[in-house]
């Protein structure tokens, strides 16, 4: 899994639909998730440190969890099927943990309120992320190619040993 941060909310230039923009720590990959306007509002509030005069749905959820001493441990965006992302909210109460199915937008809105990590499965990153820093990606690929071209069988045997030792 790769930890990602909410970089912001953007609008699609053509459809004018809100998009959550997640970035990895190295800021080399981004994940774009289309959401509805109401979900965008639920995410923008905590991003901009805005407190509503009365609790909104996600605030109510956080208040309810707090009253029962249940913490949000993290959220995980775990799959992408037919252009739909799927997420889970990992809850913890003492030594007990529970994984709850969620829309990514709701999970992210809760994660921002609880100040917890947003994790994305590597498979989702591989299938749906976009590169931000192409130069760094190309440099990394070139370094790997150079490493492979200078590799000899003796290096592999030294590192992995022989199959006779297994």
Protein backbone atom coordinates (compact mmCIF):
# COMPACT_ATOMS: atom_id res chain seq x y z
CA UNK A 1 0.00 0.00 0.00
CA UNK A 2 1.08 3.56 -0.67
CA UNK A 3 0.20 6.45 1.61
CA UNK A 4 -1.32 9.39 -0.18
CA UNK A 5 -2.38 12.88 0.84
CA UNK A 6 -5.26 15.01 -0.39
CA UNK A 7 -3.66 17.64 -2.59
CA UNK A 8 -6.97 19.37 -3.22
CA UNK A 9 -10.24 19.41 -5.09
CA UNK A 10 -10.33 20.38 -8.75
CA UNK A 11 -13.03 20.71 -11.38
CA UNK A 12 -12.93 18.72 -14.60
CA UNK A 13 -12.58 21.30 -17.38
CA UNK A 14 -15.16 19.61 -19.60
CA UNK A 15 -17.77 18.12 -17.26
CA UNK A 16 -17.26 20.60 -14.38
CA UNK A 17 -17.41 17.59 -12.03
CA UNK A 18 -15.37 17.80 -8.81
CA UNK A 19 -12.27 15.61 -8.58
CA UNK A 20 -10.31 14.65 -5.48
CA UNK A 21 -6.60 14.86 -6.20
CA UNK A 22 -4.44 12.50 -4.13
CA UNK A 23 -0.62 12.56 -4.33
CA UNK A 24 1.99 10.19 -2.98
CA UNK A 25 4.73 11.43 -0.64
CA UNK A 26 7.28 11.79 -3.45
CA UNK A 27 4.72 13.74 -5.48
CA UNK A 28 5.50 11.58 -8.49
CA UNK A 29 2.07 9.91 -8.81
CA UNK A 30 -1.43 11.34 -8.57
CA UNK A 31 -4.78 9.63 -8.30
CA UNK A 32 -7.88 11.43 -9.55
CA UNK A 33 -11.26 10.38 -8.19
CA UNK A 34 -14.43 11.94 -9.60
CA UNK A 35 -17.01 12.76 -6.94
CA UNK A 36 -20.30 14.60 -6.58
CA UNK A 37 -20.60 18.21 -5.47
CA UNK A 38 -21.89 17.32 -1.97
CA UNK A 39 -18.92 15.00 -1.37
CA UNK A 40 -16.60 17.79 -2.52
CA UNK A 41 -18.13 20.13 0.05
CA UNK A 42 -17.67 17.50 2.77
CA UNK A 43 -13.95 17.30 1.90
CA UNK A 44 -13.27 21.02 1.36
CA UNK A 45 -14.49 21.92 4.86
CA UNK A 46 -11.75 20.11 6.80
CA UNK A 47 -9.15 20.90 4.12
CA UNK A 48 -9.76 24.60 4.76
CA UNK A 49 -10.21 24.15 8.54
CA UNK A 50 -13.83 25.29 8.34
CA UNK A 51 -16.21 24.32 11.14
CA UNK A 52 -19.91 24.29 10.26
CA UNK A 53 -22.28 25.94 12.75
CA UNK A 54 -24.07 22.59 13.16
CA UNK A 55 -22.64 19.09 12.60
CA UNK A 56 -22.88 17.82 9.04
CA UNK A 57 -23.17 14.10 8.29
CA UNK A 58 -19.46 13.32 8.56
CA UNK A 59 -19.16 15.43 11.71
CA UNK A 60 -22.11 13.54 13.21
CA UNK A 61 -20.37 10.26 12.38
CA UNK A 62 -17.14 11.43 14.03
CA UNK A 63 -19.06 12.60 17.12
CA UNK A 64 -20.88 9.26 17.34
CA UNK A 65 -17.67 7.26 17.02
CA UNK A 66 -16.05 9.43 19.69
CA UNK A 67 -18.93 8.87 22.12
CA UNK A 68 -18.41 5.10 21.77
CA UNK A 69 -14.59 5.38 22.03
CA UNK A 70 -14.14 4.12 18.48
CA UNK A 71 -11.24 5.55 16.51
CA UNK A 72 -10.66 5.63 12.80
CA UNK A 73 -7.27 3.96 12.34
CA UNK A 74 -6.89 4.59 8.60
CA UNK A 75 -8.70 4.37 5.31
CA UNK A 76 -7.80 2.19 2.38
CA UNK A 77 -8.75 2.67 -1.26
CA UNK A 78 -8.48 -0.97 -2.19
CA UNK A 79 -9.89 -1.55 -5.65
CA UNK A 80 -11.08 -0.12 -8.93
CA UNK A 81 -13.79 -1.93 -10.86
CA UNK A 82 -15.44 -0.56 -14.01
CA UNK A 83 -14.29 3.01 -13.29
CA UNK A 84 -15.55 2.87 -9.69
CA UNK A 85 -13.17 3.11 -6.74
CA UNK A 86 -13.86 1.14 -3.56
CA UNK A 87 -12.64 2.00 -0.08
CA UNK A 88 -12.76 0.82 3.51
CA UNK A 89 -12.66 2.66 6.80
CA UNK A 90 -10.67 0.78 9.43
CA UNK A 91 -12.18 1.31 12.88
CA UNK A 92 -10.57 0.45 16.19
CA UNK A 93 -12.05 0.13 19.66
CA UNK A 94 -9.47 -1.05 22.14
CA UNK A 95 -8.02 -4.27 20.74
CA UNK A 96 -10.88 -4.79 18.28
CA UNK A 97 -10.64 -3.70 14.64
CA UNK A 98 -13.38 -3.62 12.04
CA UNK A 99 -13.25 -2.84 8.32
CA UNK A 100 -16.29 -0.96 6.98
CA UNK A 101 -17.11 -0.61 3.27
CA UNK A 102 -17.23 3.01 2.10
CA UNK A 103 -17.22 5.27 -0.90
CA UNK A 104 -13.76 6.81 -1.24
CA UNK A 105 -15.17 10.33 -0.89
CA UNK A 106 -16.84 9.51 2.44
CA UNK A 107 -13.74 7.67 3.68
CA UNK A 108 -11.55 10.63 2.75
CA UNK A 109 -13.94 13.10 4.42
CA UNK A 110 -13.69 11.03 7.62
CA UNK A 111 -9.91 10.63 7.33
CA UNK A 112 -9.47 14.39 7.10
CA UNK A 113 -11.64 14.94 10.18
CA UNK A 114 -9.83 12.20 12.13
CA UNK A 115 -6.39 13.22 10.82
CA UNK A 116 -5.53 9.66 9.79
CA UNK A 117 -3.65 8.14 6.88
CA UNK A 118 -5.12 7.53 3.44
CA UNK A 119 -3.68 4.36 1.90
CA UNK A 120 -4.10 3.15 -1.67
CA UNK A 121 -3.35 -0.38 -2.81
CA UNK A 122 -0.42 -0.56 -5.23
CA UNK A 123 -2.62 -2.31 -7.80
CA UNK A 124 -4.97 0.70 -7.83
CA UNK A 125 -2.01 3.07 -8.18
CA UNK A 126 -0.63 0.99 -11.06
CA UNK A 127 -3.97 0.95 -12.88
CA UNK A 128 -5.33 4.43 -12.22
CA UNK A 129 -2.63 6.91 -11.24
CA UNK A 130 -1.07 9.45 -13.52
CA UNK A 131 2.60 10.44 -13.48
CA UNK A 132 3.37 13.93 -12.24
CA UNK A 133 7.16 13.92 -12.57
CA UNK A 134 7.97 12.18 -15.87
CA UNK A 135 11.64 13.21 -15.73
CA UNK A 136 12.13 11.44 -12.38
CA UNK A 137 10.31 8.34 -13.69
CA UNK A 138 12.52 8.24 -16.78
CA UNK A 139 15.69 8.74 -14.72
CA UNK A 140 14.66 5.87 -12.41
CA UNK A 141 13.96 3.61 -15.40
CA UNK A 142 17.33 4.48 -16.95
CA UNK A 143 19.16 3.74 -13.69
CA UNK A 144 17.41 0.36 -13.49
CA UNK A 145 18.34 -0.44 -17.13
CA UNK A 146 21.98 0.43 -16.36
CA UNK A 147 21.93 -1.74 -13.23
CA UNK A 148 20.55 -4.70 -15.20
CA UNK A 149 23.03 -4.25 -18.04
CA UNK A 150 25.95 -4.38 -15.58
CA UNK A 151 24.61 -7.40 -13.71
CA UNK A 152 26.41 -10.71 -14.17
CA UNK A 153 25.40 -14.24 -13.09
CA UNK A 154 28.03 -14.25 -10.33
CA UNK A 155 26.32 -11.26 -8.71
CA UNK A 156 23.02 -13.14 -8.60
CA UNK A 157 24.66 -16.25 -7.15
CA UNK A 158 26.38 -14.15 -4.47
CA UNK A 159 23.09 -12.45 -3.59
CA UNK A 160 20.65 -15.36 -3.81
CA UNK A 161 22.96 -18.35 -3.42
CA UNK A 162 22.56 -21.49 -5.47
CA UNK A 163 19.48 -23.67 -5.71
CA UNK A 164 21.55 -26.51 -4.21
CA UNK A 165 21.52 -24.65 -0.87
CA UNK A 166 17.74 -24.49 -0.76
